Amino acid sequence: MADTTIKITEEVRDRVRALAEERGLSTRAYIERMITATPTADERAERTAKAIAYVRANFGVDLSESDLREGEEWREAILTRQVGSRR
C-alpha cells in the first residue's frame, strides 16, 4: 500500500472526518470507498455502451443519436444541479 499526502483546507479535512465517522469508517477507508465508487470517463462510457446494447437487444427499442444526446444533456443538467434539486 502506498502513502500519499494531499493538501486540503482544514474545513475540508474536518468534513471528510465527520463524513467518515458518520459511516463508522476511518478517514482513509472513507476516501478509498468514495474514490473506488466514482467511475472514470472511460468506465462511464463503457457502462453506457453496455446499457444501450442491452436496451436494444432486450426491449426492441432503437435509441437514436438524438435520444442518446438528450439523455447525456439530462445527465449533465442533473450533475450541474440545473434540474432535480430542491430550491
Protein backbone atom coordinates (compact mmCIF):
# COMPACT_ATOMS: atom_id res chain seq x y z
CA MET A 1 0.00 0.00 0.00
CA ALA A 2 1.36 3.43 -0.92
CA ASP A 3 1.29 6.52 1.26
CA THR A 4 0.08 9.73 -0.35
CA THR A 5 -0.14 13.21 1.06
CA ILE A 6 -2.59 15.78 -0.24
CA LYS A 7 -3.07 19.37 0.83
CA ILE A 8 -6.65 20.37 1.65
CA THR A 9 -8.15 23.08 3.78
CA GLU A 10 -8.88 22.36 7.42
CA GLU A 11 -12.57 22.77 6.64
CA VAL A 12 -12.47 20.02 4.03
CA ARG A 13 -10.38 17.78 6.28
CA ASP A 14 -12.87 18.18 9.11
CA ARG A 15 -15.77 17.47 6.76
CA VAL A 16 -14.12 14.29 5.47
CA ARG A 17 -13.52 13.15 9.05
CA ALA A 18 -17.14 13.87 10.00
CA LEU A 19 -18.50 12.03 6.95
CA ALA A 20 -16.25 9.05 7.69
CA GLU A 21 -17.27 8.95 11.35
CA GLU A 22 -20.97 9.07 10.43
CA ARG A 23 -20.41 5.91 8.41
CA GLY A 24 -18.27 4.19 11.02
CA LEU A 25 -15.18 4.36 8.81
CA SER A 26 -11.69 5.69 9.14
CA THR A 27 -10.86 8.71 7.01
CA ARG A 28 -8.67 6.52 4.81
CA ALA A 29 -11.37 3.87 4.35
CA TYR A 30 -13.97 6.54 3.55
CA ILE A 31 -11.76 8.20 0.92
CA GLU A 32 -10.89 4.83 -0.62
CA ARG A 33 -14.58 3.91 -0.79
CA MET A 34 -15.52 7.24 -2.40
CA ILE A 35 -12.73 7.10 -4.97
CA THR A 36 -13.31 3.48 -5.97
CA ALA A 37 -17.06 4.14 -6.27
CA THR A 38 -16.57 7.05 -8.68
CA PRO A 39 -16.24 5.84 -12.27
CA THR A 40 -13.78 7.37 -14.70
CA ALA A 41 -14.97 8.82 -18.01
CA ASP A 42 -13.87 5.62 -19.77
CA GLU A 43 -15.76 3.46 -17.26
CA ARG A 44 -18.91 5.58 -17.71
CA ALA A 45 -18.62 5.29 -21.49
CA GLU A 46 -18.27 1.51 -21.22
CA ARG A 47 -21.32 1.29 -18.92
CA THR A 48 -23.31 3.47 -21.29
CA ALA A 49 -22.39 1.33 -24.30
CA LYS A 50 -23.40 -1.83 -22.42
CA ALA A 51 -26.69 -0.27 -21.30
CA ILE A 52 -27.55 0.87 -24.83
CA ALA A 53 -26.75 -2.58 -26.21
CA TYR A 54 -28.93 -4.18 -23.52
CA VAL A 55 -31.88 -1.89 -24.25
CA ARG A 56 -31.60 -2.51 -27.97
CA ALA A 57 -31.31 -6.30 -27.52
CA ASN A 58 -33.95 -6.81 -24.85
CA PHE A 59 -36.56 -4.10 -25.31
CA GLY A 60 -36.69 -3.79 -29.06
CA VAL A 61 -36.06 -0.06 -28.78
CA ASP A 62 -33.58 1.55 -31.09
CA LEU A 63 -32.19 4.64 -29.41
CA SER A 64 -31.28 7.32 -31.93
CA GLU A 65 -28.26 9.56 -31.65
CA SER A 66 -30.71 12.33 -30.71
CA ASP A 67 -32.11 10.18 -27.88
CA LEU A 68 -28.62 9.49 -26.60
CA ARG A 69 -27.62 13.15 -26.83
CA GLU A 70 -30.76 14.21 -24.93
CA GLY A 71 -30.01 11.61 -22.26
CA GLU A 72 -26.47 12.91 -21.87
CA GLU A 73 -27.72 16.51 -21.67
CA TRP A 74 -30.23 15.48 -18.98
CA ARG A 75 -27.49 13.68 -17.03
CA GLU A 76 -25.25 16.74 -17.25
CA ALA A 77 -28.09 19.01 -16.09
CA ILE A 78 -28.61 16.77 -13.06
CA LEU A 79 -24.89 16.73 -12.24
CA THR A 80 -24.65 20.52 -12.50
CA ARG A 81 -27.83 20.86 -10.42
CA GLN A 82 -29.74 22.67 -13.16
CA VAL A 83 -32.58 20.20 -12.57
CA GLY A 84 -33.59 17.83 -9.83
CA SER A 85 -32.51 19.83 -6.81
CA ARG A 86 -34.73 21.28 -4.16
CA ARG A 87 -34.53 25.01 -4.14
